[in-house]
PDB file of N, CA and C in Angstrom:
ATOM      1  N   MET A   1      -9.603   9.065   2.176  1.00  0.00           N
ATOM      2  CA  MET A   1      -9.143   7.671   1.848  1.00  0.00           C
ATOM      3  C   MET A   1      -9.672   6.835   2.826  1.00  0.00           C
ATOM      4  N   ILE A   2      -9.724   5.534   2.353  1.00  0.00           N
ATOM      5  CA  ILE A   2     -10.145   4.452   3.372  1.00  0.00           C
ATOM      6  C   ILE A   2      -8.937   3.872   3.909  1.00  0.00           C
ATOM      7  N   ASP A   3      -8.810   4.094   5.235  1.00  0.00           N
ATOM      8  CA  ASP A   3      -7.702   3.432   6.070  1.00  0.00           C
ATOM      9  C   ASP A   3      -7.854   1.950   6.251  1.00  0.00           C
ATOM     10  N   PRO A   4      -7.114   1.189   5.713  1.00  0.00           N
ATOM     11  CA  PRO A   4      -7.236  -0.297   5.806  1.00  0.00           C
ATOM     12  C   PRO A   4      -7.030  -0.747   7.312  1.00  0.00           C
ATOM     13  N   LYS A   5      -6.483   0.014   8.062  1.00  0.00           N
ATOM     14  CA  LYS A   5      -6.237  -0.306   9.487  1.00  0.00           C
ATOM     15  C   LYS A   5      -7.537   0.015  10.324  1.00  0.00           C
ATOM     16  N   THR A   6      -8.311   0.768   9.962  1.00  0.00           N
ATOM     17  CA  THR A   6      -9.546   1.044  10.730  1.00  0.00           C
ATOM     18  C   THR A   6     -10.866   0.652   9.923  1.00  0.00           C
ATOM     19  N   HIS A   7     -10.811   0.258   8.719  1.00  0.00           N
ATOM     20  CA  HIS A   7     -12.038  -0.098   8.016  1.00  0.00           C
ATOM     21  C   HIS A   7     -11.965  -1.709   7.758  1.00  0.00           C
ATOM     22  N   ASP A   8     -12.931  -2.455   8.139  1.00  0.00           N
ATOM     23  CA  ASP A   8     -13.058  -3.744   7.914  1.00  0.00           C
ATOM     24  C   ASP A   8     -13.215  -4.048   6.450  1.00  0.00           C
ATOM     25  N   VAL A   9     -12.496  -4.775   5.736  1.00  0.00           N
ATOM     26  CA  VAL A   9     -12.654  -5.103   4.371  1.00  0.00           C
ATOM     27  C   VAL A   9     -14.007  -5.621   4.055  1.00  0.00           C
ATOM     28  N   GLN A  10     -14.370  -6.564   4.894  1.00  0.00           N
ATOM     29  CA  GLN A  10     -15.706  -7.219   4.665  1.00  0.00           C
ATOM     30  C   GLN A  10     -16.933  -6.273   4.739  1.00  0.00           C
ATOM     31  N   ALA A  11     -16.774  -5.178   5.481  1.00  0.00           N
ATOM     32  CA  ALA A  11     -17.845  -4.199   5.735  1.00  0.00           C
ATOM     33  C   ALA A  11     -18.287  -3.732   4.278  1.00  0.00           C
ATOM     34  N   PHE A  12     -17.438  -3.693   3.310  1.00  0.00           N
ATOM     35  CA  PHE A  12     -17.752  -3.104   1.968  1.00  0.00           C
ATOM     36  C   PHE A  12     -18.102  -4.196   1.005  1.00  0.00           C
ATOM     37  N   ALA A  13     -17.864  -5.395   1.325  1.00  0.00           N
ATOM     38  CA  ALA A  13     -18.219  -6.455   0.430  1.00  0.00           C
ATOM     39  C   ALA A  13     -19.653  -6.479   0.022  1.00  0.00           C
ATOM     40  N   ASN A  14     -19.991  -6.699  -1.213  1.00  0.00           N
ATOM     41  CA  ASN A  14     -21.267  -6.786  -1.783  1.00  0.00           C
ATOM     42  C   ASN A  14     -22.156  -5.511  -1.635  1.00  0.00           C
ATOM     43  N   LYS A  15     -21.508  -4.467  -1.495  1.00  0.00           N
ATOM     44  CA  LYS A  15     -22.129  -3.084  -1.414  1.00  0.00           C
ATOM     45  C   LYS A  15     -21.947  -2.397  -2.769  1.00  0.00           C
ATOM     46  N   VAL A  16     -22.793  -1.356  -2.961  1.00  0.00           N
ATOM     47  CA  VAL A  16     -22.692  -0.544  -4.241  1.00  0.00           C
ATOM     48  C   VAL A  16     -22.288   0.845  -3.708  1.00  0.00           C
ATOM     49  N   VAL A  17     -21.346   1.446  -4.251  1.00  0.00           N
ATOM     50  CA  VAL A  17     -20.912   2.861  -3.818  1.00  0.00           C
ATOM     51  C   VAL A  17     -21.086   3.716  -4.973  1.00  0.00           C
ATOM     52  N   LEU A  18     -21.737   4.846  -4.774  1.00  0.00           N
ATOM     53  CA  LEU A  18     -21.888   5.856  -5.906  1.00  0.00           C
ATOM     54  C   LEU A  18     -20.855   6.907  -5.656  1.00  0.00           C
ATOM     55  N   ILE A  19     -20.031   7.252  -6.710  1.00  0.00           N
ATOM     56  CA  ILE A  19     -18.924   8.206  -6.644  1.00  0.00           C
ATOM     57  C   ILE A  19     -19.260   9.217  -7.737  1.00  0.00           C
ATOM     58  N   THR A  20     -19.368  10.519  -7.316  1.00  0.00           N
ATOM     59  CA  THR A  20     -19.547  11.526  -8.287  1.00  0.00           C
ATOM     60  C   THR A  20     -18.254  12.210  -8.515  1.00  0.00           C
ATOM     61  N   GLY A  21     -18.197  12.947  -9.597  1.00  0.00           N
ATOM     62  CA  GLY A  21     -16.902  13.539 -10.056  1.00  0.00           C
ATOM     63  C   GLY A  21     -15.834  12.533 -10.158  1.00  0.00           C
ATOM     64  N   ALA A  22     -16.230  11.431 -10.670  1.00  0.00           N
ATOM     65  CA  ALA A  22     -15.460  10.197 -10.750  1.00  0.00           C
ATOM     66  C   ALA A  22     -14.304  10.127 -11.571  1.00  0.00           C
ATOM     67  N   SER A  23     -13.988  11.204 -12.420  1.00  0.00           N
ATOM     68  CA  SER A  23     -12.941  11.053 -13.353  1.00  0.00           C
ATOM     69  C   SER A  23     -11.555  11.509 -12.950  1.00  0.00           C
ATOM     70  N   ARG A  24     -11.401  12.097 -11.741  1.00  0.00           N
ATOM     71  CA  ARG A  24     -10.144  12.561 -11.315  1.00  0.00           C
ATOM     72  C   ARG A  24     -10.059  12.921  -9.715  1.00  0.00           C
ATOM     73  N   GLY A  25      -8.905  13.284  -9.395  1.00  0.00           N
ATOM     74  CA  GLY A  25      -8.642  13.737  -8.005  1.00  0.00           C
ATOM     75  C   GLY A  25      -8.843  12.652  -6.996  1.00  0.00           C
ATOM     76  N   ILE A  26      -9.463  13.131  -5.844  1.00  0.00           N
ATOM     77  CA  ILE A  26      -9.825  12.301  -4.801  1.00  0.00           C
ATOM     78  C   ILE A  26     -10.663  11.223  -5.053  1.00  0.00           C
ATOM     79  N   SER A  27     -11.718  11.540  -6.000  1.00  0.00           N
ATOM     80  CA  SER A  27     -12.696  10.395  -6.453  1.00  0.00           C
ATOM     81  C   SER A  27     -11.897   9.341  -7.025  1.00  0.00           C
ATOM     82  N   ALA A  28     -11.005   9.594  -7.893  1.00  0.00           N
ATOM     83  CA  ALA A  28     -10.326   8.497  -8.684  1.00  0.00           C
ATOM     84  C   ALA A  28      -9.554   7.642  -7.688  1.00  0.00           C
ATOM     85  N   GLN A  29      -8.910   8.203  -6.598  1.00  0.00           N
ATOM     86  CA  GLN A  29      -8.224   7.332  -5.600  1.00  0.00           C
ATOM     87  C   GLN A  29      -9.269   6.646  -4.801  1.00  0.00           C
ATOM     88  N   THR A  30     -10.400   7.252  -4.409  1.00  0.00           N
ATOM     89  CA  THR A  30     -11.417   6.576  -3.734  1.00  0.00           C
ATOM     90  C   THR A  30     -11.944   5.341  -4.425  1.00  0.00           C
ATOM     91  N   GLU A  31     -12.070   5.410  -5.692  1.00  0.00           N
ATOM     92  CA  GLU A  31     -12.640   4.396  -6.517  1.00  0.00           C
ATOM     93  C   GLU A  31     -11.717   3.171  -6.365  1.00  0.00           C
ATOM     94  N   LEU A  32     -10.470   3.388  -6.452  1.00  0.00           N
ATOM     95  CA  LEU A  32      -9.507   2.153  -6.246  1.00  0.00           C
ATOM     96  C   LEU A  32      -9.608   1.602  -4.916  1.00  0.00           C
ATOM     97  N   GLN A  33      -9.732   2.457  -3.907  1.00  0.00           N
ATOM     98  CA  GLN A  33      -9.858   1.912  -2.508  1.00  0.00           C
ATOM     99  C   GLN A  33     -10.983   0.983  -2.349  1.00  0.00           C
ATOM    100  N   TYR A  34     -12.181   1.447  -2.880  1.00  0.00           N
ATOM    101  CA  TYR A  34     -13.332   0.645  -2.869  1.00  0.00           C
ATOM    102  C   TYR A  34     -13.225  -0.636  -3.761  1.00  0.00           C
ATOM    103  N   ALA A  35     -12.600  -0.502  -4.791  1.00  0.00           N
ATOM    104  CA  ALA A  35     -12.469  -1.684  -5.779  1.00  0.00           C
ATOM    105  C   ALA A  35     -11.748  -2.744  -5.019  1.00  0.00           C
ATOM    106  N   ARG A  36     -10.763  -2.410  -4.242  1.00  0.00           N
ATOM    107  CA  ARG A  36      -9.944  -3.352  -3.527  1.00  0.00           C
ATOM    108  C   ARG A  36     -10.763  -4.195  -2.363  1.00  0.00           C
ATOM    109  N   ARG A  37     -11.939  -3.679  -2.199  1.00  0.00           N
ATOM    110  CA  ARG A  37     -12.787  -4.233  -1.085  1.00  0.00           C
ATOM    111  C   ARG A  37     -14.013  -4.923  -1.705  1.00  0.00           C
ATOM    112  N   THR A  38     -13.840  -5.445  -2.989  1.00  0.00           N
ATOM    113  CA  THR A  38     -14.964  -6.109  -3.674  1.00  0.00           C
ATOM    114  C   THR A  38     -16.239  -5.424  -3.704  1.00  0.00           C
ATOM    115  N   THR A  39     -16.226  -4.040  -3.745  1.00  0.00           N
ATOM    116  CA  THR A  39     -17.414  -3.238  -3.845  1.00  0.00           C
ATOM    117  C   THR A  39     -17.771  -2.990  -5.264  1.00  0.00           C
ATOM    118  N   SER A  40     -19.032  -2.950  -5.574  1.00  0.00           N
ATOM    119  CA  SER A  40     -19.489  -2.561  -6.847  1.00  0.00           C
ATOM    120  C   SER A  40     -19.430  -1.124  -6.952  1.00  0.00           C
ATOM    121  N   LEU A  41     -19.057  -0.556  -8.121  1.00  0.00           N
ATOM    122  CA  LEU A  41     -18.919   1.031  -8.126  1.00  0.00           C
ATOM    123  C   LEU A  41     -19.759   1.507  -9.224  1.00  0.00           C
ATOM    124  N   PHE A  42     -20.465   2.582  -8.875  1.00  0.00           N
ATOM    125  CA  PHE A  42     -21.356   3.331  -9.744  1.00  0.00           C
ATOM    126  C   PHE A  42     -20.682   4.751  -9.905  1.00  0.00           C
ATOM    127  N   LEU A  43     -20.084   4.923 -11.038  1.00  0.00           N
ATOM    128  CA  LEU A  43     -19.344   6.273 -11.272  1.00  0.00           C
ATOM    129  C   LEU A  43     -20.156   7.179 -12.094  1.00  0.00           C
ATOM    130  N   VAL A  44     -20.105   8.443 -11.731  1.00  0.00           N
ATOM    131  CA  VAL A  44     -20.848   9.592 -12.400  1.00  0.00           C
ATOM    132  C   VAL A  44     -19.710  10.642 -12.605  1.00  0.00           C
ATOM    133  N   ALA A  45     -19.682  11.148 -13.881  1.00  0.00           N
ATOM    134  CA  ALA A  45     -18.832  12.204 -14.255  1.00  0.00           C
ATOM    135  C   ALA A  45     -19.458  12.931 -15.398  1.00  0.00           C
ATOM    136  N   ARG A  46     -18.942  13.954 -15.850  1.00  0.00           N
ATOM    137  CA  ARG A  46     -19.510  14.778 -17.010  1.00  0.00           C
ATOM    138  C   ARG A  46     -19.358  14.075 -18.246  1.00  0.00           C
ATOM    139  N   THR A  47     -18.167  13.404 -18.551  1.00  0.00           N
ATOM    140  CA  THR A  47     -18.067  12.844 -19.845  1.00  0.00           C
ATOM    141  C   THR A  47     -17.816  11.298 -19.853  1.00  0.00           C
ATOM    142  N   GLN A  48     -18.305  10.566 -20.899  1.00  0.00           N
ATOM    143  CA  GLN A  48     -18.175   9.209 -20.886  1.00  0.00           C
ATOM    144  C   GLN A  48     -16.680   8.833 -21.124  1.00  0.00           C
ATOM    145  N   SER A  49     -15.976   9.634 -21.927  1.00  0.00           N
ATOM    146  CA  SER A  49     -14.578   9.418 -22.100  1.00  0.00           C
ATOM    147  C   SER A  49     -13.739   9.363 -20.832  1.00  0.00           C
ATOM    148  N   ALA A  50     -14.093  10.347 -19.906  1.00  0.00           N
ATOM    149  CA  ALA A  50     -13.442  10.378 -18.648  1.00  0.00           C
ATOM    150  C   ALA A  50     -13.786   9.223 -17.853  1.00  0.00           C
ATOM    151  N   LEU A  51     -15.006   8.827 -17.863  1.00  0.00           N
ATOM    152  CA  LEU A  51     -15.490   7.659 -17.032  1.00  0.00           C
ATOM    153  C   LEU A  51     -14.862   6.423 -17.602  1.00  0.00           C
ATOM    154  N   ASP A  52     -14.707   6.221 -18.994  1.00  0.00           N
ATOM    155  CA  ASP A  52     -14.025   5.103 -19.495  1.00  0.00           C
ATOM    156  C   ASP A  52     -12.648   5.028 -18.990  1.00  0.00           C
ATOM    157  N   ALA A  53     -11.926   6.088 -18.969  1.00  0.00           N
ATOM    158  CA  ALA A  53     -10.471   6.085 -18.517  1.00  0.00           C
ATOM    159  C   ALA A  53     -10.491   5.656 -16.966  1.00  0.00           C
ATOM    160  N   SER A  54     -11.441   6.076 -16.078  1.00  0.00           N
ATOM    161  CA  SER A  54     -11.508   5.728 -14.697  1.00  0.00           C
ATOM    162  C   SER A  54     -11.666   4.255 -14.668  1.00  0.00           C
ATOM    163  N   LYS A  55     -12.720   3.865 -15.434  1.00  0.00           N
ATOM    164  CA  LYS A  55     -13.087   2.418 -15.429  1.00  0.00           C
ATOM    165  C   LYS A  55     -11.852   1.482 -15.809  1.00  0.00           C
ATOM    166  N   ASP A  56     -11.239   1.896 -16.911  1.00  0.00           N
ATOM    167  CA  ASP A  56      -9.946   1.129 -17.434  1.00  0.00           C
ATOM    168  C   ASP A  56      -9.011   1.044 -16.357  1.00  0.00           C
ATOM    169  N   ALA A  57      -8.806   2.123 -15.655  1.00  0.00           N
ATOM    170  CA  ALA A  57      -7.774   2.174 -14.491  1.00  0.00           C
ATOM    171  C   ALA A  57      -8.124   1.273 -13.369  1.00  0.00           C
ATOM    172  N   ILE A  58      -9.311   1.243 -12.978  1.00  0.00           N
ATOM    173  CA  ILE A  58      -9.860   0.227 -11.987  1.00  0.00           C
ATOM    174  C   ILE A  58      -9.622  -1.099 -12.415  1.00  0.00           C
ATOM    175  N   LEU A  59     -10.122  -1.433 -13.590  1.00  0.00           N
ATOM    176  CA  LEU A  59     -10.108  -2.861 -14.122  1.00  0.00           C
ATOM    177  C   LEU A  59      -8.587  -3.330 -14.349  1.00  0.00           C
ATOM    178  N   HIS A  60      -7.765  -2.320 -14.656  1.00  0.00           N
ATOM    179  CA  HIS A  60      -6.372  -2.739 -14.812  1.00  0.00           C
ATOM    180  C   HIS A  60      -5.808  -3.230 -13.455  1.00  0.00           C
ATOM    181  N   GLU A  61      -6.102  -2.608 -12.346  1.00  0.00           N
ATOM    182  CA  GLU A  61      -5.590  -3.042 -10.983  1.00  0.00           C
ATOM    183  C   GLU A  61      -6.575  -4.195 -10.405  1.00  0.00           C
ATOM    184  N   HIS A  62      -7.813  -4.163 -10.744  1.00  0.00           N
ATOM    185  CA  HIS A  62      -8.727  -5.186 -10.199  1.00  0.00           C
ATOM    186  C   HIS A  62      -9.611  -5.626 -11.256  1.00  0.00           C
ATOM    187  N   PRO A  63      -9.195  -6.550 -12.031  1.00  0.00           N
ATOM    188  CA  PRO A  63      -9.941  -7.132 -13.186  1.00  0.00           C
ATOM    189  C   PRO A  63     -11.304  -7.638 -12.880  1.00  0.00           C
ATOM    190  N   SER A  64     -11.617  -7.986 -11.705  1.00  0.00           N
ATOM    191  CA  SER A  64     -12.879  -8.642 -11.408  1.00  0.00           C
ATOM    192  C   SER A  64     -13.864  -7.583 -10.773  1.00  0.00           C
ATOM    193  N   ALA A  65     -13.410  -6.316 -10.748  1.00  0.00           N
ATOM    194  CA  ALA A  65     -14.351  -5.239 -10.172  1.00  0.00           C
ATOM    195  C   ALA A  65     -15.570  -5.051 -11.112  1.00  0.00           C
ATOM    196  N   LYS A  66     -16.642  -4.656 -10.461  1.00  0.00           N
ATOM    197  CA  LYS A  66     -17.930  -4.375 -11.097  1.00  0.00           C
ATOM    198  C   LYS A  66     -18.087  -2.950 -11.119  1.00  0.00           C
ATOM    199  N   VAL A  67     -18.040  -2.268 -12.340  1.00  0.00           N
ATOM    200  CA  VAL A  67     -18.082  -0.892 -12.506  1.00  0.00           C
ATOM    201  C   VAL A  67     -19.141  -0.502 -13.578  1.00  0.00           C
ATOM    202  N   LEU A  68     -20.044   0.301 -13.115  1.00  0.00           N
ATOM    203  CA  LEU A  68     -21.105   0.968 -13.976  1.00  0.00           C
ATOM    204  C   LEU A  68     -20.774   2.388 -14.148  1.00  0.00           C
ATOM    205  N   THR A  69     -20.882   2.945 -15.278  1.00  0.00           N
ATOM    206  CA  THR A  69     -20.567   4.326 -15.478  1.00  0.00           C
ATOM    207  C   THR A  69     -21.703   5.076 -16.177  1.00  0.00           C
ATOM    208  N   VAL A  70     -22.009   6.234 -15.633  1.00  0.00           N
ATOM    209  CA  VAL A  70     -23.068   7.105 -16.234  1.00  0.00           C
ATOM    210  C   VAL A  70     -22.651   8.567 -16.352  1.00  0.00           C
ATOM    211  N   PRO A  71     -22.573   9.051 -17.616  1.00  0.00           N
ATOM    212  CA  PRO A  71     -22.270  10.441 -17.725  1.00  0.00           C
ATOM    213  C   PRO A  71     -23.430  11.403 -17.312  1.00  0.00           C
ATOM    214  N   SER A  72     -23.106  12.366 -16.650  1.00  0.00           N
ATOM    215  CA  SER A  72     -24.067  13.263 -16.185  1.00  0.00           C
ATOM    216  C   SER A  72     -23.553  14.673 -15.720  1.00  0.00           C
ATOM    217  N   HIS A  73     -24.268  15.728 -16.064  1.00  0.00           N
ATOM    218  CA  HIS A  73     -23.831  16.977 -15.541  1.00  0.00           C
ATOM    219  C   HIS A  73     -25.012  17.665 -14.940  1.00  0.00           C
ATOM    220  N   ILE A  74     -24.861  17.890 -13.576  1.00  0.00           N
ATOM    221  CA  ILE A  74     -25.931  18.313 -12.731  1.00  0.00           C
ATOM    222  C   ILE A  74     -25.813  19.829 -12.587  1.00  0.00           C
ATOM    223  N   LYS A  75     -26.744  20.615 -13.156  1.00  0.00           N
ATOM    224  CA  LYS A  75     -26.623  22.079 -12.989  1.00  0.00           C
ATOM    225  C   LYS A  75     -27.479  22.466 -11.872  1.00  0.00           C
ATOM    226  N   THR A  76     -26.915  23.131 -10.927  1.00  0.00           N
ATOM    227  CA  THR A  76     -27.571  23.533  -9.647  1.00  0.00           C
ATOM    228  C   THR A  76     -28.264  24.850  -9.648  1.00  0.00           C
ATOM    229  N   SER A  77     -27.985  25.655 -10.652  1.00  0.00           N
ATOM    230  CA  SER A  77     -28.675  26.948 -10.658  1.00  0.00           C
ATOM    231  C   SER A  77     -28.605  27.459 -12.172  1.00  0.00           C
ATOM    232  N   ASP A  78     -29.360  28.572 -12.385  1.00  0.00           N
ATOM    233  CA  ASP A  78     -29.371  29.198 -13.631  1.00  0.00           C
ATOM    234  C   ASP A  78     -28.287  30.284 -13.742  1.00  0.00           C
ATOM    235  N   ARG A  79     -27.536  30.579 -12.736  1.00  0.00           N
ATOM    236  CA  ARG A  79     -26.554  31.683 -12.808  1.00  0.00           C
ATOM    237  C   ARG A  79     -25.376  31.324 -13.596  1.00  0.00           C
TER     238      ARG A  79
END
């Protein structure tokens, strides 16, 4: 998590943050933290429906947030 006591809000302004596994868990909470800092978010997860849910949650709390979503599954081996 981003600790607001140790991270300057302006340090993230006008930046783009790529978050993978964006549909749940730690990533979902991280997205909200960055959205609070006027950061543009580029979210990647396996399904568009999961990404849409994440984007909706972000925009519900931060309507002016800029969020781009891209579904993708990265296969790292043939095993």
